[in-house]
Amino acid sequence: MHDITQNMGRRVTACRTCGSTDLERYLDRILSGLGEPADLRAMERAARTMKRASRCGLGQTACNPVLTSLESFRPLYEGAVAEDPHGFCRSFDLASAVAGHEALRHASPSVDQMSDWAD
């Protein structure tokens, strides 16, 4: 999908905004284990939109592998994005969620430094 994304015409809105880059992003999320059930529906919707709305042959056919694999291997896709039995969100990234806090923590003075100021 990455090679197709790189060769897409950037003036065709269907390819540029809702097509190739979104399909690549959804596939990457699913393959990396971060996909959610809604990603399958969104990926299929983006592929069908791209197929209908593209003006060139590449845009109309670039989504075929995604649509065909969804038809042929839907149980595998659904297993990859199944709800977590504990209710956890697969796409939640703890490292990026706490990155802002960690940056502030390292930028702010420690308690020891603050007590030195009082002296």
N, C-alpha and C. Protein backbone atom coordinates (compact mmCIF):
# COMPACT_ATOMS: atom_id res chain seq x y z
N MET A 1 0.84 -1.19 0.00
CA MET A 1 0.00 0.00 0.00
C MET A 1 0.88 1.25 0.00
N HIS A 2 2.05 1.17 0.65
CA HIS A 2 2.93 2.33 0.72
C HIS A 2 3.37 2.78 -0.67
N ASP A 3 3.73 1.84 -1.56
CA ASP A 3 4.17 2.20 -2.91
C ASP A 3 3.05 2.87 -3.69
N ILE A 4 1.84 2.38 -3.53
CA ILE A 4 0.70 2.98 -4.22
C ILE A 4 0.46 4.39 -3.70
N THR A 5 0.56 4.56 -2.38
CA THR A 5 0.36 5.88 -1.78
C THR A 5 1.34 6.89 -2.35
N GLN A 6 2.58 6.47 -2.55
CA GLN A 6 3.60 7.37 -3.06
C GLN A 6 3.35 7.76 -4.52
N ASN A 7 2.66 6.92 -5.28
CA ASN A 7 2.43 7.20 -6.70
C ASN A 7 1.08 7.83 -7.00
N MET A 8 0.26 8.05 -5.98
CA MET A 8 -1.06 8.63 -6.19
C MET A 8 -0.94 10.09 -6.62
N GLY A 9 -1.86 10.48 -7.49
CA GLY A 9 -1.93 11.88 -7.87
C GLY A 9 -2.40 12.72 -6.69
N ARG A 10 -1.75 13.80 -6.41
CA ARG A 10 -2.12 14.62 -5.26
C ARG A 10 -3.21 15.62 -5.59
N ARG A 11 -3.62 15.72 -6.85
CA ARG A 11 -4.68 16.66 -7.18
C ARG A 11 -6.05 16.00 -7.12
N VAL A 12 -6.10 14.69 -7.03
CA VAL A 12 -7.37 13.99 -6.96
C VAL A 12 -7.75 13.84 -5.49
N THR A 13 -8.83 14.51 -5.11
CA THR A 13 -9.23 14.56 -3.71
C THR A 13 -9.51 13.19 -3.13
N ALA A 14 -10.16 12.32 -3.88
CA ALA A 14 -10.51 10.99 -3.35
C ALA A 14 -9.26 10.21 -2.97
N CYS A 15 -8.21 10.35 -3.74
CA CYS A 15 -6.96 9.64 -3.43
C CYS A 15 -6.22 10.32 -2.29
N ARG A 16 -6.20 11.62 -2.31
CA ARG A 16 -5.38 12.38 -1.38
C ARG A 16 -5.97 12.44 0.02
N THR A 17 -7.26 12.70 0.14
CA THR A 17 -7.83 12.97 1.46
C THR A 17 -8.44 11.76 2.14
N CYS A 18 -9.09 10.88 1.41
CA CYS A 18 -9.76 9.78 2.12
C CYS A 18 -9.33 8.43 1.59
N GLY A 19 -8.35 8.40 0.75
CA GLY A 19 -8.02 7.14 0.13
C GLY A 19 -6.73 6.50 0.58
N SER A 20 -5.73 6.70 -0.22
CA SER A 20 -4.51 5.91 -0.06
C SER A 20 -3.84 6.08 1.30
N THR A 21 -3.74 7.29 1.79
CA THR A 21 -3.05 7.48 3.07
C THR A 21 -3.87 6.92 4.23
N ASP A 22 -5.19 7.04 4.17
CA ASP A 22 -6.02 6.46 5.22
C ASP A 22 -5.96 4.94 5.19
N LEU A 23 -6.01 4.34 4.01
CA LEU A 23 -5.92 2.89 3.92
C LEU A 23 -4.60 2.40 4.49
N GLU A 24 -3.54 3.08 4.16
CA GLU A 24 -2.22 2.70 4.68
C GLU A 24 -2.19 2.83 6.21
N ARG A 25 -2.76 3.90 6.73
CA ARG A 25 -2.78 4.11 8.18
C ARG A 25 -3.59 3.04 8.89
N TYR A 26 -4.77 2.71 8.35
CA TYR A 26 -5.60 1.66 8.96
C TYR A 26 -4.88 0.32 8.94
N LEU A 27 -4.29 -0.02 7.80
CA LEU A 27 -3.58 -1.30 7.71
C LEU A 27 -2.41 -1.35 8.69
N ASP A 28 -1.67 -0.26 8.79
CA ASP A 28 -0.54 -0.22 9.74
C ASP A 28 -1.02 -0.42 11.17
N ARG A 29 -2.11 0.25 11.54
CA ARG A 29 -2.64 0.11 12.90
C ARG A 29 -3.07 -1.33 13.18
N ILE A 30 -3.77 -1.93 12.23
CA ILE A 30 -4.26 -3.30 12.42
C ILE A 30 -3.09 -4.28 12.50
N LEU A 31 -2.14 -4.15 11.59
CA LEU A 31 -1.00 -5.07 11.56
C LEU A 31 -0.09 -4.91 12.76
N SER A 32 -0.06 -3.74 13.36
CA SER A 32 0.79 -3.53 14.53
C SER A 32 0.07 -3.90 15.84
N GLY A 33 -1.17 -4.36 15.73
CA GLY A 33 -1.91 -4.77 16.92
C GLY A 33 -2.64 -3.65 17.64
N LEU A 34 -2.71 -2.48 17.01
CA LEU A 34 -3.36 -1.33 17.64
C LEU A 34 -4.73 -1.02 17.04
N GLY A 35 -5.20 -1.89 16.16
CA GLY A 35 -6.47 -1.64 15.48
C GLY A 35 -7.67 -1.83 16.38
N GLU A 36 -8.71 -1.08 16.10
CA GLU A 36 -9.98 -1.16 16.81
C GLU A 36 -11.03 -1.68 15.84
N PRO A 37 -12.14 -2.25 16.34
CA PRO A 37 -13.20 -2.73 15.45
C PRO A 37 -13.69 -1.65 14.48
N ALA A 38 -13.75 -0.42 14.92
CA ALA A 38 -14.21 0.67 14.05
C ALA A 38 -13.25 0.90 12.89
N ASP A 39 -11.99 0.51 13.04
CA ASP A 39 -11.02 0.70 11.96
C ASP A 39 -11.39 -0.14 10.74
N LEU A 40 -11.93 -1.32 10.95
CA LEU A 40 -12.34 -2.15 9.80
C LEU A 40 -13.44 -1.47 9.00
N ARG A 41 -14.43 -0.97 9.69
CA ARG A 41 -15.54 -0.29 8.99
C ARG A 41 -15.02 0.96 8.28
N ALA A 42 -14.18 1.71 8.95
CA ALA A 42 -13.65 2.94 8.35
C ALA A 42 -12.76 2.62 7.16
N MET A 43 -11.96 1.57 7.26
CA MET A 43 -11.07 1.19 6.16
C MET A 43 -11.89 0.75 4.95
N GLU A 44 -12.93 -0.02 5.19
CA GLU A 44 -13.77 -0.46 4.08
C GLU A 44 -14.51 0.72 3.45
N ARG A 45 -15.00 1.63 4.26
CA ARG A 45 -15.69 2.82 3.75
C ARG A 45 -14.73 3.68 2.92
N ALA A 46 -13.51 3.88 3.41
CA ALA A 46 -12.53 4.69 2.67
C ALA A 46 -12.17 4.03 1.35
N ALA A 47 -12.02 2.71 1.34
CA ALA A 47 -11.68 2.00 0.11
C ALA A 47 -12.81 2.11 -0.92
N ARG A 48 -14.05 1.95 -0.47
CA ARG A 48 -15.19 2.04 -1.40
C ARG A 48 -15.36 3.47 -1.93
N THR A 49 -15.15 4.45 -1.06
CA THR A 49 -15.22 5.85 -1.49
C THR A 49 -14.15 6.15 -2.53
N MET A 50 -12.95 5.68 -2.26
CA MET A 50 -11.84 5.90 -3.18
C MET A 50 -12.13 5.25 -4.54
N LYS A 51 -12.66 4.06 -4.52
CA LYS A 51 -12.97 3.34 -5.76
C LYS A 51 -14.03 4.08 -6.59
N ARG A 52 -15.05 4.61 -5.93
CA ARG A 52 -16.13 5.31 -6.64
C ARG A 52 -15.73 6.71 -7.08
N ALA A 53 -14.96 7.41 -6.26
CA ALA A 53 -14.74 8.84 -6.51
C ALA A 53 -13.45 9.16 -7.28
N SER A 54 -12.55 8.19 -7.42
CA SER A 54 -11.29 8.47 -8.11
C SER A 54 -11.52 8.69 -9.60
N ARG A 55 -10.70 9.56 -10.15
CA ARG A 55 -10.84 9.89 -11.57
C ARG A 55 -9.89 9.09 -12.45
N CYS A 56 -8.86 8.50 -11.85
CA CYS A 56 -7.89 7.76 -12.67
C CYS A 56 -7.97 6.27 -12.36
N GLY A 57 -7.39 5.48 -13.23
CA GLY A 57 -7.40 4.03 -13.07
C GLY A 57 -6.66 3.56 -11.83
N LEU A 58 -5.55 4.22 -11.51
CA LEU A 58 -4.80 3.82 -10.32
C LEU A 58 -5.62 4.02 -9.06
N GLY A 59 -6.27 5.16 -8.96
CA GLY A 59 -7.10 5.43 -7.79
C GLY A 59 -8.28 4.49 -7.68
N GLN A 60 -8.85 4.11 -8.84
CA GLN A 60 -10.01 3.22 -8.84
C GLN A 60 -9.64 1.78 -8.49
N THR A 61 -8.40 1.39 -8.75
CA THR A 61 -8.02 0.00 -8.51
C THR A 61 -7.06 -0.18 -7.34
N ALA A 62 -6.49 0.88 -6.82
CA ALA A 62 -5.51 0.76 -5.74
C ALA A 62 -6.11 0.15 -4.48
N CYS A 63 -7.38 0.33 -4.29
CA CYS A 63 -8.05 -0.19 -3.10
C CYS A 63 -8.51 -1.64 -3.26
N ASN A 64 -8.39 -2.20 -4.45
CA ASN A 64 -8.84 -3.57 -4.68
C ASN A 64 -8.19 -4.60 -3.75
N PRO A 65 -6.87 -4.55 -3.51
CA PRO A 65 -6.29 -5.53 -2.59
C PRO A 65 -6.88 -5.45 -1.18
N VAL A 66 -7.18 -4.25 -0.73
CA VAL A 66 -7.77 -4.08 0.59
C VAL A 66 -9.17 -4.67 0.62
N LEU A 67 -9.99 -4.32 -0.38
CA LEU A 67 -11.36 -4.83 -0.43
C LEU A 67 -11.39 -6.35 -0.60
N THR A 68 -10.52 -6.88 -1.45
CA THR A 68 -10.48 -8.33 -1.67
C THR A 68 -10.03 -9.06 -0.41
N SER A 69 -9.03 -8.52 0.27
CA SER A 69 -8.56 -9.20 1.49
C SER A 69 -9.62 -9.11 2.59
N LEU A 70 -10.37 -8.02 2.64
CA LEU A 70 -11.46 -7.93 3.61
C LEU A 70 -12.55 -8.96 3.32
N GLU A 71 -12.86 -9.18 2.04
CA GLU A 71 -13.85 -10.18 1.67
C GLU A 71 -13.36 -11.59 1.97
N SER A 72 -12.10 -11.86 1.64
CA SER A 72 -11.57 -13.22 1.75
C SER A 72 -11.13 -13.61 3.15
N PHE A 73 -10.68 -12.62 3.93
CA PHE A 73 -10.09 -12.92 5.23
C PHE A 73 -10.71 -12.12 6.37
N ARG A 74 -11.98 -11.81 6.24
CA ARG A 74 -12.63 -11.00 7.27
C ARG A 74 -12.48 -11.60 8.67
N PRO A 75 -12.61 -12.92 8.87
CA PRO A 75 -12.43 -13.45 10.23
C PRO A 75 -11.04 -13.15 10.81
N LEU A 76 -10.02 -13.16 9.98
CA LEU A 76 -8.68 -12.82 10.48
C LEU A 76 -8.60 -11.35 10.89
N TYR A 77 -9.16 -10.48 10.05
CA TYR A 77 -9.19 -9.06 10.40
C TYR A 77 -9.97 -8.85 11.70
N GLU A 78 -11.13 -9.49 11.79
CA GLU A 78 -11.96 -9.31 12.99
C GLU A 78 -11.25 -9.83 14.24
N GLY A 79 -10.50 -10.92 14.09
CA GLY A 79 -9.73 -11.43 15.22
C GLY A 79 -8.62 -10.47 15.63
N ALA A 80 -8.05 -9.79 14.65
CA ALA A 80 -6.95 -8.86 14.95
C ALA A 80 -7.43 -7.61 15.65
N VAL A 81 -8.70 -7.27 15.48
CA VAL A 81 -9.22 -6.04 16.09
C VAL A 81 -10.31 -6.33 17.13
N ALA A 82 -10.39 -7.58 17.57
CA ALA A 82 -11.44 -7.95 18.52
C ALA A 82 -11.34 -7.11 19.79
N GLU A 83 -12.49 -6.90 20.41
CA GLU A 83 -12.53 -6.16 21.67
C GLU A 83 -11.64 -6.86 22.69
N ASP A 84 -10.90 -6.09 23.44
CA ASP A 84 -10.08 -6.65 24.51
C ASP A 84 -11.00 -7.19 25.60
N PRO A 85 -10.74 -8.41 26.11
CA PRO A 85 -11.64 -8.97 27.11
C PRO A 85 -11.69 -8.16 28.41
N HIS A 86 -10.67 -7.35 28.65
CA HIS A 86 -10.63 -6.54 29.86
C HIS A 86 -11.15 -5.12 29.61
N GLY A 87 -11.56 -4.85 28.38
CA GLY A 87 -12.11 -3.54 28.06
C GLY A 87 -11.08 -2.49 27.73
N PHE A 88 -9.82 -2.89 27.57
CA PHE A 88 -8.77 -1.92 27.24
C PHE A 88 -8.86 -1.52 25.78
N CYS A 89 -8.50 -0.31 25.51
CA CYS A 89 -8.48 0.21 24.14
C CYS A 89 -7.11 -0.12 23.53
N ARG A 90 -7.11 -0.94 22.47
CA ARG A 90 -5.85 -1.37 21.86
C ARG A 90 -5.02 -0.20 21.33
N SER A 91 -5.68 0.82 20.87
CA SER A 91 -4.96 1.93 20.24
C SER A 91 -4.38 2.90 21.26
N PHE A 92 -4.66 2.70 22.55
CA PHE A 92 -4.12 3.60 23.57
C PHE A 92 -2.62 3.41 23.68
N ASP A 93 -1.88 4.49 23.58
CA ASP A 93 -0.43 4.45 23.65
C ASP A 93 0.01 5.17 24.92
N LEU A 94 0.40 4.40 25.92
CA LEU A 94 0.76 4.96 27.22
C LEU A 94 1.95 5.92 27.10
N ALA A 95 2.93 5.56 26.29
CA ALA A 95 4.12 6.39 26.16
C ALA A 95 3.78 7.79 25.66
N SER A 96 2.93 7.88 24.63
CA SER A 96 2.58 9.21 24.13
C SER A 96 1.62 9.92 25.08
N ALA A 97 0.83 9.16 25.84
CA ALA A 97 -0.10 9.79 26.78
C ALA A 97 0.63 10.47 27.92
N VAL A 98 1.75 9.93 28.35
CA VAL A 98 2.48 10.51 29.47
C VAL A 98 3.67 11.36 29.02
N ALA A 99 3.90 11.45 27.73
CA ALA A 99 5.05 12.20 27.22
C ALA A 99 5.01 13.66 27.65
N GLY A 100 3.85 14.27 27.58
CA GLY A 100 3.73 15.68 27.98
C GLY A 100 4.03 15.86 29.46
N HIS A 101 3.54 14.96 30.28
CA HIS A 101 3.81 15.02 31.71
C HIS A 101 5.30 14.84 31.99
N GLU A 102 5.90 13.87 31.32
CA GLU A 102 7.33 13.61 31.52
C GLU A 102 8.16 14.83 31.11
N ALA A 103 7.79 15.47 30.04
CA ALA A 103 8.53 16.66 29.59
C ALA A 103 8.42 17.77 30.62
N LEU A 104 7.23 17.98 31.17
CA LEU A 104 7.04 19.00 32.20
C LEU A 104 7.80 18.64 33.48
N ARG A 105 7.78 17.38 33.82
CA ARG A 105 8.45 16.94 35.04
C ARG A 105 9.96 17.17 34.95
N HIS A 106 10.52 16.92 33.80
CA HIS A 106 11.97 17.12 33.62
C HIS A 106 12.33 18.59 33.47
N ALA A 107 11.38 19.39 33.02
CA ALA A 107 11.65 20.82 32.84
C ALA A 107 11.47 21.61 34.12
N SER A 108 10.63 21.12 35.03
CA SER A 108 10.38 21.87 36.26
C SER A 108 11.43 21.54 37.31
N PRO A 109 11.68 22.45 38.22
CA PRO A 109 12.70 22.20 39.25
C PRO A 109 12.24 21.13 40.23
N SER A 110 13.20 20.40 40.77
CA SER A 110 12.87 19.36 41.75
C SER A 110 12.62 20.01 43.11
N VAL A 111 12.10 19.21 44.04
CA VAL A 111 11.84 19.71 45.39
C VAL A 111 13.14 20.16 46.05
N ASP A 112 14.24 19.42 45.83
CA ASP A 112 15.54 19.79 46.39
C ASP A 112 16.00 21.15 45.88
N GLN A 113 15.81 21.39 44.59
CA GLN A 113 16.20 22.67 44.01
C GLN A 113 15.36 23.80 44.58
N MET A 114 14.09 23.53 44.80
CA MET A 114 13.21 24.56 45.34
C MET A 114 13.57 24.89 46.79
N SER A 115 14.00 23.89 47.56
CA SER A 115 14.40 24.17 48.94
C SER A 115 15.70 24.97 48.98
N ASP A 116 16.57 24.80 47.98
CA ASP A 116 17.78 25.61 47.90
C ASP A 116 17.45 27.08 47.67
N TRP A 117 16.36 27.33 46.94
CA TRP A 117 15.96 28.71 46.66
C TRP A 117 15.52 29.41 47.96
N ALA A 118 14.93 28.65 48.87
CA ALA A 118 14.43 29.23 50.10
C ALA A 118 15.58 29.64 51.04
N ASP A 119 16.71 29.00 50.88
CA ASP A 119 17.86 29.31 51.77
C ASP A 119 18.51 30.61 51.47
